[in-house]
């Protein structure tokens, strides 16, 4: 049995597109799940950064930074 070249090429392109779309959404789901489990910045880290800069952060400043960091 012989498959025509154009059928093979179209099938190959279709499979690559479908695989790319599935891979994109799978990677996006896994990254979002990982970020929810391990937040990028914590309040303790923000306090440490402010203290390294020689400033005493207020609770309002820390909350504002946390809000902007967690914005989706």
C-alpha atoms as a PDB file:
ATOM      1  CA  UNK A   1       0.000   0.000   0.000  1.00  0.00           C
ATOM      2  CA  UNK A   2       1.394   3.341  -1.018  1.00  0.00           C
ATOM      3  CA  UNK A   3       0.389   6.649   0.614  1.00  0.00           C
ATOM      4  CA  UNK A   4       0.438   9.738  -1.536  1.00  0.00           C
ATOM      5  CA  UNK A   5       3.017  12.337  -0.554  1.00  0.00           C
ATOM      6  CA  UNK A   6       0.546  15.194  -0.069  1.00  0.00           C
ATOM      7  CA  UNK A   7      -1.590  13.101   2.301  1.00  0.00           C
ATOM      8  CA  UNK A   8       1.492  12.268   4.349  1.00  0.00           C
ATOM      9  CA  UNK A   9       2.643  15.914   4.471  1.00  0.00           C
ATOM     10  CA  UNK A  10      -0.802  17.198   5.513  1.00  0.00           C
ATOM     11  CA  UNK A  11      -1.086  14.493   8.161  1.00  0.00           C
ATOM     12  CA  UNK A  12       2.356  15.348   9.516  1.00  0.00           C
ATOM     13  CA  UNK A  13       1.546  19.066   9.689  1.00  0.00           C
ATOM     14  CA  UNK A  14      -1.786  18.337  11.394  1.00  0.00           C
ATOM     15  CA  UNK A  15      -0.184  16.083  13.986  1.00  0.00           C
ATOM     16  CA  UNK A  16       2.506  18.696  14.729  1.00  0.00           C
ATOM     17  CA  UNK A  17      -0.089  21.460  15.192  1.00  0.00           C
ATOM     18  CA  UNK A  18      -2.291  19.332  17.464  1.00  0.00           C
ATOM     19  CA  UNK A  19       0.758  18.230  19.486  1.00  0.00           C
ATOM     20  CA  UNK A  20       1.901  21.828  19.871  1.00  0.00           C
ATOM     21  CA  UNK A  21      -1.511  22.972  21.101  1.00  0.00           C
ATOM     22  CA  UNK A  22      -1.799  20.087  23.557  1.00  0.00           C
ATOM     23  CA  UNK A  23       1.758  20.676  24.780  1.00  0.00           C
ATOM     24  CA  UNK A  24       1.108  24.394  25.280  1.00  0.00           C
ATOM     25  CA  UNK A  25      -1.993  23.867  27.411  1.00  0.00           C
ATOM     26  CA  UNK A  26      -0.411  21.032  29.387  1.00  0.00           C
ATOM     27  CA  UNK A  27       2.672  23.147  30.163  1.00  0.00           C
ATOM     28  CA  UNK A  28       0.482  26.133  31.102  1.00  0.00           C
ATOM     29  CA  UNK A  29      -1.595  23.984  33.478  1.00  0.00           C
ATOM     30  CA  UNK A  30       1.487  22.490  35.144  1.00  0.00           C
ATOM     31  CA  UNK A  31       3.190  25.883  35.579  1.00  0.00           C
ATOM     32  CA  UNK A  32       0.055  27.471  37.071  1.00  0.00           C
ATOM     33  CA  UNK A  33      -0.297  24.533  39.471  1.00  0.00           C
ATOM     34  CA  UNK A  34       3.361  24.887  40.506  1.00  0.00           C
ATOM     35  CA  UNK A  35       3.028  28.651  41.068  1.00  0.00           C
ATOM     36  CA  UNK A  36      -0.046  28.142  43.264  1.00  0.00           C
ATOM     37  CA  UNK A  37       1.810  25.559  45.343  1.00  0.00           C
ATOM     38  CA  UNK A  38       5.011  27.636  45.605  1.00  0.00           C
ATOM     39  CA  UNK A  39       4.246  31.387  45.478  1.00  0.00           C
ATOM     40  CA  UNK A  40       6.920  33.482  43.846  1.00  0.00           C
ATOM     41  CA  UNK A  41       7.208  36.082  46.646  1.00  0.00           C
ATOM     42  CA  UNK A  42       6.269  35.904  50.321  1.00  0.00           C
ATOM     43  CA  UNK A  43       5.701  38.697  52.834  1.00  0.00           C
ATOM     44  CA  UNK A  44       8.856  37.657  54.650  1.00  0.00           C
ATOM     45  CA  UNK A  45      10.908  38.093  51.459  1.00  0.00           C
ATOM     46  CA  UNK A  46       9.399  41.541  50.848  1.00  0.00           C
ATOM     47  CA  UNK A  47      10.279  42.618  54.388  1.00  0.00           C
ATOM     48  CA  UNK A  48      13.853  41.360  53.895  1.00  0.00           C
ATOM     49  CA  UNK A  49      14.207  43.298  50.623  1.00  0.00           C
ATOM     50  CA  UNK A  50      13.006  46.515  52.252  1.00  0.00           C
ATOM     51  CA  UNK A  51      15.390  46.037  55.184  1.00  0.00           C
ATOM     52  CA  UNK A  52      18.306  45.429  52.799  1.00  0.00           C
ATOM     53  CA  UNK A  53      17.489  48.783  51.201  1.00  0.00           C
ATOM     54  CA  UNK A  54      17.540  50.377  54.660  1.00  0.00           C
ATOM     55  CA  UNK A  55      13.808  51.029  54.876  1.00  0.00           C
ATOM     56  CA  UNK A  56      11.166  49.935  57.355  1.00  0.00           C
ATOM     57  CA  UNK A  57       8.149  48.735  55.329  1.00  0.00           C
ATOM     58  CA  UNK A  58       4.639  49.497  56.484  1.00  0.00           C
ATOM     59  CA  UNK A  59       1.982  46.807  56.410  1.00  0.00           C
ATOM     60  CA  UNK A  60       0.157  48.791  53.710  1.00  0.00           C
ATOM     61  CA  UNK A  61       3.232  48.705  51.441  1.00  0.00           C
ATOM     62  CA  UNK A  62       3.669  44.963  51.942  1.00  0.00           C
ATOM     63  CA  UNK A  63      -0.007  44.283  51.182  1.00  0.00           C
ATOM     64  CA  UNK A  64       0.169  46.444  48.034  1.00  0.00           C
ATOM     65  CA  UNK A  65       3.196  44.512  46.758  1.00  0.00           C
ATOM     66  CA  UNK A  66       1.553  41.173  47.543  1.00  0.00           C
ATOM     67  CA  UNK A  67      -1.610  42.263  45.706  1.00  0.00           C
ATOM     68  CA  UNK A  68       0.350  43.326  42.614  1.00  0.00           C
ATOM     69  CA  UNK A  69       2.425  40.117  42.676  1.00  0.00           C
ATOM     70  CA  UNK A  70      -0.639  37.866  42.989  1.00  0.00           C
ATOM     71  CA  UNK A  71      -2.656  39.679  40.335  1.00  0.00           C
ATOM     72  CA  UNK A  72      -3.668  37.288  37.560  1.00  0.00           C
END
